[in-house]
Amino acid sequence: MLTERATALDAADPLAHVRDRFLLPDGVTYLDGNSLGALPAAVPAVIEDAVRRQWGTDLIRSWNGNGWWEAPLRTGDTLGRLIGAAPGQVVVGDSTSVQLFNTLVAAARLRPDRRLLLTDPDHFPTDQYIADSVGRMLDLEVRRVPAREAAAVLAAEGANVAVAAYAPVDYRTGELYDMAALTEAAHAAGAVMHWDLCHAAGALPVELDAIAADFAVGCGYKYLSGGPGAPAFAYVAQRHQQDFDQPITGWHGHAEPFAMSGTYTPGPGISRARISTPPLLSLLALEAALTAFDGVEMKDVRAKGISLTGFFQECVDTLLDGLGFTMATPRDPAHRGSQVALRHPEAYPLVAALTARGVIGDMRAPDLLRFGFNPLYVSHADVLHAVRELHDIVTSGAHRTPEFTQRPTVT
């Protein structure tokens, strides 16, 4: 029954052909694209050219001759299409942490008379660390309020809230929150809304302009498949660009960077959100990776993501019932991102045993098995195979051998 379902779903998949745009290793079922995306086929040749010709032969002439200088804004506009941002509002470069710090400070500076910064206690740790750092620097109270309670707090105490900083997808469980509703609640209170899109960009039809978002950041290496360490992006709504006052004012964001002035004058528009020399090889890899989305509509990506995650839950219900697993991800597709998490007291050795069989997911302490489904290259047959392997491992006890109990640094 499940085999026939998987076959039928894959036969009707309008994105099935996009799988060929990725170099997937034989014998591997890759369900960890929510941590590191698979390698797009367009990337190796671009990196080869960037290293051998652009760097090796053209050398510093590539800043002009090969468009290196324009790459952060050019790639930003390309990426902007995937997150509902009109051209001129997204810049790519630097890490997620740097982009987060820069935009969060700039957001708070738009409300200098307000002393409260709201963030999620279930936010990714870096988001919480940086929120605390921004709070110390600007003398703000940082209050951790769960996303589902944030609208109520904004309604009650909004007059003192400078910024609400949240993510649309819980990085652990995959729970999806209503971006439009929370943005509206923040604006009704006069606060600035800041979004971390790391687990949403490339997986969901994020509509930043349509919901009147203020600021957003996100990484390039998860569902966007830009490669390990791919640069992050920052979105600054056009209406805020004139007043965008970032704390890290690098020379690439200067109005006349090669005038070498000793005082900072911000550049026009989104260019002022540039900071420093970007990691060019990684940036060009990300730009090439984004071609995997050519001709792809995000509504179709979302529809397949819902299908994959729903089918995974169906397979778990059928094959893993009574084996100690608990579903941590909402079953309602309106509240589910493109990943599913299961709870099990032996989460780590189960994931390690799966990996040894070529089924790659990951775990998050203390007891979550996480599986990410990138609709561009994951099939329903992959989903069924993964759950069948997990069933075999847990029923045979194969995960209890010593090789699967020793945790490496990265889990």
Protein backbone atom coordinates (compact mmCIF):
# COMPACT_ATOMS: atom_id res chain seq x y z
CA MET A 1 0.00 0.00 0.00
CA LEU A 2 2.70 2.51 0.97
CA THR A 3 4.84 1.48 -2.00
CA GLU A 4 1.98 2.11 -4.39
CA ARG A 5 1.25 5.45 -2.73
CA ALA A 6 4.88 6.55 -3.06
CA THR A 7 4.99 5.51 -6.71
CA ALA A 8 1.77 7.35 -7.54
CA LEU A 9 2.82 10.50 -5.71
CA ASP A 10 6.19 10.57 -7.47
CA ALA A 11 4.58 9.94 -10.86
CA ALA A 12 2.38 13.00 -10.36
CA ASP A 13 5.19 15.22 -9.05
CA PRO A 14 5.58 18.36 -11.20
CA LEU A 15 9.05 18.95 -9.72
CA ALA A 16 10.42 15.46 -10.35
CA HIS A 17 12.67 16.71 -13.16
CA VAL A 18 14.39 19.21 -10.85
CA ARG A 19 16.09 16.33 -9.02
CA ASP A 20 18.44 16.08 -12.00
CA ARG A 21 19.78 19.55 -11.14
CA PHE A 22 21.56 18.04 -8.12
CA LEU A 23 24.52 15.68 -7.81
CA LEU A 24 23.16 13.16 -5.35
CA PRO A 25 25.52 10.35 -4.30
CA ASP A 26 24.54 6.79 -5.14
CA GLY A 27 23.18 4.77 -2.26
CA VAL A 28 22.29 7.82 -0.16
CA THR A 29 18.87 9.05 0.88
CA TYR A 30 19.52 12.61 1.94
CA LEU A 31 17.06 14.05 4.45
CA ASP A 32 19.29 16.66 6.06
CA GLY A 33 18.82 19.53 3.62
CA ASN A 34 17.51 21.59 6.52
CA SER A 35 21.13 21.63 7.79
CA LEU A 36 23.16 21.47 4.57
CA GLY A 37 21.64 21.31 1.13
CA ALA A 38 22.77 18.82 -1.50
CA LEU A 39 25.22 19.88 -4.21
CA PRO A 40 23.57 21.54 -7.24
CA ALA A 41 24.99 20.32 -10.54
CA ALA A 42 25.68 23.89 -11.68
CA VAL A 43 28.11 24.65 -8.87
CA PRO A 44 31.33 22.67 -9.63
CA ALA A 45 31.91 24.24 -13.07
CA VAL A 46 31.30 27.73 -11.68
CA ILE A 47 33.79 27.18 -8.86
CA GLU A 48 36.32 25.72 -11.30
CA ASP A 49 36.01 28.81 -13.48
CA ALA A 50 36.13 31.16 -10.50
CA VAL A 51 39.34 29.60 -9.21
CA ARG A 52 41.24 28.91 -12.41
CA ARG A 53 40.18 31.72 -14.72
CA GLN A 54 38.69 34.52 -12.64
CA TRP A 55 41.16 34.28 -9.78
CA GLY A 56 44.04 32.42 -11.43
CA THR A 57 44.18 34.34 -14.71
CA ASP A 58 42.16 37.51 -14.41
CA LEU A 59 43.26 38.14 -10.82
CA ILE A 60 42.13 41.48 -9.37
CA ARG A 61 40.71 42.50 -12.73
CA SER A 62 37.76 40.22 -11.90
CA TRP A 63 36.24 42.80 -9.58
CA ASN A 64 35.28 44.71 -12.73
CA GLY A 65 35.62 42.23 -15.58
CA ASN A 66 33.79 39.33 -13.97
CA GLY A 67 31.24 41.24 -11.92
CA TRP A 68 32.64 40.46 -8.48
CA TRP A 69 31.75 43.91 -7.14
CA GLU A 70 28.09 43.60 -8.15
CA ALA A 71 27.70 40.00 -6.94
CA PRO A 72 26.22 40.73 -3.47
CA LEU A 73 23.38 42.82 -4.92
CA ARG A 74 22.95 40.71 -8.06
CA THR A 75 22.62 37.53 -6.03
CA GLY A 76 20.40 39.36 -3.55
CA ASP A 77 17.90 40.20 -6.28
CA THR A 78 17.90 36.59 -7.50
CA LEU A 79 17.36 35.28 -4.00
CA GLY A 80 14.74 37.94 -3.35
CA ARG A 81 12.36 36.27 -5.81
CA LEU A 82 12.27 33.20 -3.56
CA ILE A 83 11.33 35.18 -0.46
CA GLY A 84 8.84 37.58 -2.01
CA ALA A 85 11.12 40.61 -2.14
CA ALA A 86 11.15 43.04 -5.03
CA PRO A 87 14.58 43.94 -6.43
CA GLY A 88 16.74 46.31 -4.42
CA GLN A 89 15.92 44.96 -0.94
CA VAL A 90 18.23 41.97 -0.42
CA VAL A 91 22.01 41.84 -0.10
CA VAL A 92 24.17 38.72 0.23
CA GLY A 93 27.48 38.51 2.09
CA ASP A 94 28.92 37.85 5.55
CA SER A 95 27.57 35.21 7.94
CA THR A 96 24.09 34.80 9.37
CA SER A 97 25.37 35.95 12.76
CA VAL A 98 26.81 39.17 11.32
CA GLN A 99 23.69 39.90 9.28
CA LEU A 100 21.52 39.16 12.29
CA PHE A 101 23.48 41.50 14.55
CA ASN A 102 23.56 44.29 11.99
CA THR A 103 19.86 44.20 11.16
CA LEU A 104 18.68 43.65 14.74
CA VAL A 105 20.59 46.69 15.97
CA ALA A 106 19.34 48.75 13.02
CA ALA A 107 15.77 47.64 13.75
CA ALA A 108 16.02 48.64 17.41
CA ARG A 109 17.50 52.02 16.48
CA LEU A 110 14.30 52.78 14.57
CA ARG A 111 12.48 52.79 17.94
CA PRO A 112 14.90 54.63 20.26
CA ASP A 113 12.26 55.43 22.89
CA ARG A 114 11.23 51.79 23.42
CA ARG A 115 13.11 49.50 25.77
CA LEU A 116 11.82 45.96 25.11
CA LEU A 117 13.09 43.37 22.61
CA LEU A 118 10.98 40.23 22.25
CA THR A 119 12.48 36.96 21.07
CA ASP A 120 11.60 33.28 21.20
CA PRO A 121 12.94 31.01 23.98
CA ASP A 122 12.90 28.27 21.31
CA HIS A 123 14.84 30.36 18.80
CA PHE A 124 18.11 28.95 17.43
CA PRO A 125 20.79 29.62 20.08
CA THR A 126 22.68 32.18 17.99
CA ASP A 127 19.53 34.28 17.65
CA GLN A 128 19.14 34.32 21.42
CA TYR A 129 22.81 35.06 22.07
CA ILE A 130 22.80 37.99 19.66
CA ALA A 131 19.52 39.33 20.99
CA ASP A 132 21.11 39.37 24.45
CA SER A 133 24.20 41.11 23.07
CA VAL A 134 22.07 43.74 21.33
CA GLY A 135 20.14 44.20 24.55
CA ARG A 136 23.31 44.86 26.52
CA MET A 137 24.66 47.24 23.91
CA LEU A 138 21.47 49.30 23.56
CA ASP A 139 20.25 48.93 27.14
CA LEU A 140 17.16 46.96 26.13
CA GLU A 141 15.28 44.40 28.15
CA VAL A 142 15.32 41.12 26.23
CA ARG A 143 12.23 39.10 27.01
CA ARG A 144 11.77 35.54 25.79
CA VAL A 145 8.19 34.97 24.72
CA PRO A 146 7.11 31.85 22.76
CA ALA A 147 6.00 32.63 19.22
CA ARG A 148 2.45 31.46 19.85
CA GLU A 149 2.17 33.96 22.75
CA ALA A 150 3.92 36.90 21.11
CA ALA A 151 0.81 38.51 19.60
CA ALA A 152 -0.87 38.64 23.02
CA VAL A 153 2.19 40.23 24.62
CA LEU A 154 2.40 42.76 21.82
CA ALA A 155 -1.24 43.66 22.34
CA ALA A 156 -0.74 44.08 26.09
CA GLU A 157 2.69 45.72 26.24
CA GLY A 158 3.36 46.78 22.69
CA ALA A 159 3.87 50.43 23.47
CA ASN A 160 7.25 49.53 24.96
CA VAL A 161 8.35 46.95 22.37
CA ALA A 162 11.04 48.10 19.96
CA VAL A 163 11.54 44.86 18.02
CA ALA A 164 9.96 41.43 17.83
CA ALA A 165 12.53 38.93 16.53
CA TYR A 166 11.23 35.52 15.51
CA ALA A 167 11.54 32.67 13.01
CA PRO A 168 8.62 31.31 10.99
CA VAL A 169 9.81 27.72 11.50
CA ASP A 170 10.93 26.12 14.76
CA TYR A 171 14.36 24.72 13.92
CA ARG A 172 13.83 21.71 16.19
CA THR A 173 10.28 20.58 15.54
CA GLY A 174 9.46 22.13 12.18
CA GLU A 175 6.39 23.89 13.56
CA LEU A 176 5.34 26.73 11.25
CA TYR A 177 4.02 30.03 12.58
CA ASP A 178 1.87 32.64 10.85
CA MET A 179 4.30 35.30 9.63
CA ALA A 180 1.60 37.64 8.38
CA ALA A 181 -0.36 37.57 11.65
CA LEU A 182 2.67 38.15 13.86
CA THR A 183 3.97 40.94 11.61
CA GLU A 184 0.55 42.59 11.75
CA ALA A 185 0.50 42.30 15.54
CA ALA A 186 3.95 43.90 15.79
CA HIS A 187 2.96 46.77 13.52
CA ALA A 188 -0.30 47.32 15.40
CA ALA A 189 1.85 47.87 18.49
CA GLY A 190 4.20 50.18 16.62
CA ALA A 191 7.06 47.68 16.85
CA VAL A 192 9.51 46.56 14.17
CA MET A 193 9.28 42.95 12.98
CA HIS A 194 12.49 40.98 12.38
CA TRP A 195 12.46 37.50 10.82
CA ASP A 196 15.09 34.74 10.69
CA LEU A 197 14.35 32.75 7.53
CA CYS A 198 17.09 30.13 7.80
CA HIS A 199 14.60 27.24 7.91
CA ALA A 200 12.12 28.81 5.51
CA ALA A 201 13.95 30.38 2.55
CA GLY A 202 13.80 28.01 -0.40
CA ALA A 203 11.25 25.74 1.27
CA LEU A 204 8.24 28.02 1.78
CA PRO A 205 6.66 30.82 -0.27
CA VAL A 206 7.82 33.57 2.08
CA GLU A 207 6.16 36.82 0.98
CA LEU A 208 8.13 39.53 2.74
CA ASP A 209 6.80 42.45 0.72
CA ALA A 210 3.21 41.24 0.83
CA ILE A 211 3.17 40.97 4.64
CA ALA A 212 5.01 44.31 4.99
CA ALA A 213 7.98 42.73 6.77
CA ASP A 214 10.61 45.13 8.06
CA PHE A 215 13.84 43.12 8.29
CA ALA A 216 14.84 39.53 7.63
CA VAL A 217 17.99 37.45 7.48
CA GLY A 218 18.75 33.90 6.43
CA CYS A 219 21.55 31.53 5.54
CA GLY A 220 22.45 30.29 2.09
CA TYR A 221 23.39 26.68 2.85
CA LYS A 222 20.15 24.95 3.89
CA TYR A 223 17.25 24.76 1.43
CA LEU A 224 19.05 27.18 -0.91
CA SER A 225 21.89 24.63 -1.24
CA GLY A 226 24.65 27.22 -1.50
CA GLY A 227 27.25 24.95 0.12
CA PRO A 228 28.97 24.76 3.52
CA GLY A 229 29.57 28.23 4.89
CA ALA A 230 27.57 29.90 2.13
CA PRO A 231 27.06 33.61 2.84
CA ALA A 232 23.86 34.82 4.41
CA PHE A 233 21.40 37.41 3.18
CA ALA A 234 19.76 40.44 4.71
CA TYR A 235 16.43 41.95 3.69
CA VAL A 236 15.80 45.61 4.44
CA ALA A 237 12.38 46.84 3.32
CA GLN A 238 12.74 49.77 0.95
CA ARG A 239 10.86 52.10 3.30
CA HIS A 240 13.54 51.57 5.98
CA GLN A 241 16.65 51.89 3.83
CA GLN A 242 17.10 55.64 4.20
CA ASP A 243 17.14 55.29 7.99
CA PHE A 244 19.05 52.01 8.12
CA ASP A 245 21.68 52.63 10.80
CA GLN A 246 23.82 49.52 11.11
CA PRO A 247 26.51 49.08 13.76
CA ILE A 248 29.10 47.47 11.47
CA THR A 249 29.89 50.07 8.82
CA GLY A 250 32.35 48.45 6.47
CA TRP A 251 33.77 50.14 3.43
CA HIS A 252 31.71 48.14 0.93
CA GLY A 253 28.61 49.91 2.23
CA HIS A 254 30.09 53.38 1.70
CA ALA A 255 28.60 55.71 -0.90
CA GLU A 256 32.05 56.08 -2.52
CA PRO A 257 34.12 53.13 -1.30
CA PHE A 258 37.14 53.91 -3.48
CA ALA A 259 37.31 57.53 -2.41
CA MET A 260 38.88 56.09 0.76
CA SER A 261 37.26 58.69 2.99
CA GLY A 262 38.02 58.51 6.69
CA THR A 263 34.37 59.10 7.61
CA TYR A 264 31.41 56.90 6.74
CA THR A 265 28.71 57.99 4.32
CA PRO A 266 26.18 55.22 3.65
CA GLY A 267 25.57 54.15 0.08
CA PRO A 268 22.19 54.46 -1.66
CA GLY A 269 19.41 51.95 -1.11
CA ILE A 270 20.22 48.39 -0.14
CA SER A 271 23.91 48.91 -0.97
CA ARG A 272 24.34 50.53 2.45
CA ALA A 273 23.64 47.12 4.00
CA ARG A 274 26.86 45.79 2.50
CA ILE A 275 29.65 45.47 5.03
CA SER A 276 32.96 44.03 3.92
CA THR A 277 34.62 42.06 1.16
CA PRO A 278 32.36 39.02 0.67
CA PRO A 279 33.65 35.43 0.52
CA LEU A 280 33.64 35.45 -3.28
CA LEU A 281 34.04 31.74 -3.97
CA SER A 282 31.17 30.90 -1.64
CA LEU A 283 29.09 33.75 -3.00
CA LEU A 284 29.56 32.58 -6.59
CA ALA A 285 28.70 29.03 -5.50
CA LEU A 286 25.46 30.28 -3.97
CA GLU A 287 24.63 32.28 -7.07
CA ALA A 288 25.09 29.15 -9.19
CA ALA A 289 23.09 27.05 -6.72
CA LEU A 290 20.11 29.36 -7.05
CA THR A 291 19.78 28.37 -10.73
CA ALA A 292 18.23 25.14 -9.43
CA PHE A 293 15.12 27.25 -8.81
CA ASP A 294 14.92 28.48 -12.42
CA GLY A 295 11.37 28.03 -13.68
CA VAL A 296 10.24 26.75 -10.28
CA GLU A 297 7.33 28.39 -8.47
CA MET A 298 7.50 28.49 -4.69
CA LYS A 299 3.84 27.45 -4.45
CA ASP A 300 4.79 24.17 -6.13
CA VAL A 301 7.74 23.76 -3.78
CA ARG A 302 5.40 24.26 -0.84
CA ALA A 303 2.80 21.82 -2.19
CA LYS A 304 5.41 19.11 -2.59
CA GLY A 305 6.89 19.87 0.82
CA ILE A 306 3.48 19.35 2.40
CA SER A 307 3.09 16.10 0.48
CA LEU A 308 6.52 14.79 1.51
CA THR A 309 6.16 15.66 5.18
CA GLY A 310 2.60 14.36 5.31
CA PHE A 311 3.61 11.08 3.67
CA PHE A 312 6.50 10.76 6.13
CA GLN A 313 4.05 11.10 9.00
CA GLU A 314 1.79 8.52 7.38
CA CYS A 315 4.70 6.09 7.03
CA VAL A 316 5.71 6.66 10.66
CA ASP A 317 2.15 5.99 11.83
CA THR A 318 2.06 2.74 9.89
CA LEU A 319 5.57 1.37 10.38
CA LEU A 320 6.77 2.78 13.70
CA ASP A 321 3.63 2.56 15.82
CA GLY A 322 4.36 1.20 19.29
CA LEU A 323 8.14 1.45 18.90
CA GLY A 324 8.71 4.39 21.24
CA PHE A 325 8.44 7.26 18.78
CA THR A 326 6.42 10.42 19.39
CA MET A 327 5.55 12.90 16.64
CA ALA A 328 6.99 16.33 17.54
CA THR A 329 5.84 18.11 14.37
CA PRO A 330 2.27 19.35 13.88
CA ARG A 331 0.10 17.24 11.62
CA ASP A 332 -1.80 20.23 10.29
CA PRO A 333 0.10 21.23 7.13
CA ALA A 334 -0.71 24.87 7.78
CA HIS A 335 1.48 24.61 10.88
CA ARG A 336 4.25 22.44 9.43
CA GLY A 337 7.40 23.54 7.65
CA SER A 338 9.45 21.27 5.40
CA GLN A 339 10.88 19.08 8.14
CA VAL A 340 9.54 16.49 10.56
CA ALA A 341 10.93 15.63 13.98
CA LEU A 342 10.37 12.50 16.02
CA ARG A 343 11.08 12.08 19.71
CA HIS A 344 12.75 8.92 20.95
CA PRO A 345 14.94 8.32 24.01
CA GLU A 346 17.60 6.74 21.78
CA ALA A 347 17.59 9.49 19.17
CA TYR A 348 21.34 9.75 18.64
CA PRO A 349 22.20 6.06 18.10
CA LEU A 350 19.15 5.69 15.84
CA VAL A 351 20.29 8.56 13.63
CA ALA A 352 23.85 7.23 13.62
CA ALA A 353 22.66 3.77 12.58
CA LEU A 354 20.52 5.29 9.84
CA THR A 355 23.49 7.27 8.56
CA ALA A 356 25.55 4.09 8.37
CA ARG A 357 22.88 2.70 6.05
CA GLY A 358 22.99 5.76 3.82
CA VAL A 359 19.89 7.46 5.20
CA ILE A 360 21.08 10.83 6.44
CA GLY A 361 19.10 12.93 8.90
CA ASP A 362 20.29 14.50 12.13
CA MET A 363 19.41 14.82 15.79
CA ARG A 364 19.00 17.63 18.27
CA ALA A 365 19.42 17.15 21.98
CA PRO A 366 18.03 15.66 23.96
CA ASP A 367 15.76 13.31 22.00
CA LEU A 368 14.84 14.63 18.54
CA LEU A 369 15.42 12.85 15.23
CA ARG A 370 15.11 15.51 12.51
CA PHE A 371 14.37 14.86 8.86
CA GLY A 372 14.41 17.69 6.32
CA PHE A 373 12.66 17.37 2.97
CA ASN A 374 13.93 19.58 0.18
CA PRO A 375 11.20 19.32 -2.46
CA LEU A 376 13.69 19.97 -5.26
CA TYR A 377 15.42 16.62 -4.85
CA VAL A 378 13.64 14.40 -2.31
CA SER A 379 11.09 11.86 -3.55
CA HIS A 380 8.27 10.02 -1.82
CA ALA A 381 10.19 6.81 -2.48
CA ASP A 382 13.05 8.30 -0.45
CA VAL A 383 10.64 8.97 2.40
CA LEU A 384 9.33 5.41 2.48
CA HIS A 385 12.83 3.94 2.26
CA ALA A 386 13.99 6.04 5.21
CA VAL A 387 11.13 4.99 7.46
CA ARG A 388 11.53 1.32 6.50
CA GLU A 389 15.21 1.48 7.40
CA LEU A 390 14.36 3.14 10.72
CA HIS A 391 11.81 0.40 11.43
CA ASP A 392 14.39 -2.30 10.73
CA ILE A 393 17.00 -0.64 12.94
CA VAL A 394 14.75 -0.13 15.94
CA THR A 395 13.17 -3.59 15.80
CA SER A 396 16.51 -5.36 15.36
CA GLY A 397 18.32 -3.26 17.95
CA ALA A 398 21.08 -2.56 15.44
CA HIS A 399 21.54 0.93 16.89
CA ARG A 400 22.67 -0.42 20.24
CA THR A 401 26.08 -1.55 19.05
CA PRO A 402 29.03 0.43 20.49
CA GLU A 403 29.87 2.15 17.18
CA PHE A 404 26.60 4.10 17.33
CA THR A 405 26.80 5.27 20.93
CA GLN A 406 29.95 7.44 20.71
CA ARG A 407 28.95 10.98 19.75
CA PRO A 408 31.23 13.06 17.51
CA THR A 409 31.43 16.82 17.81
CA VAL A 410 28.78 17.44 15.15
CA THR A 411 25.46 15.64 15.60
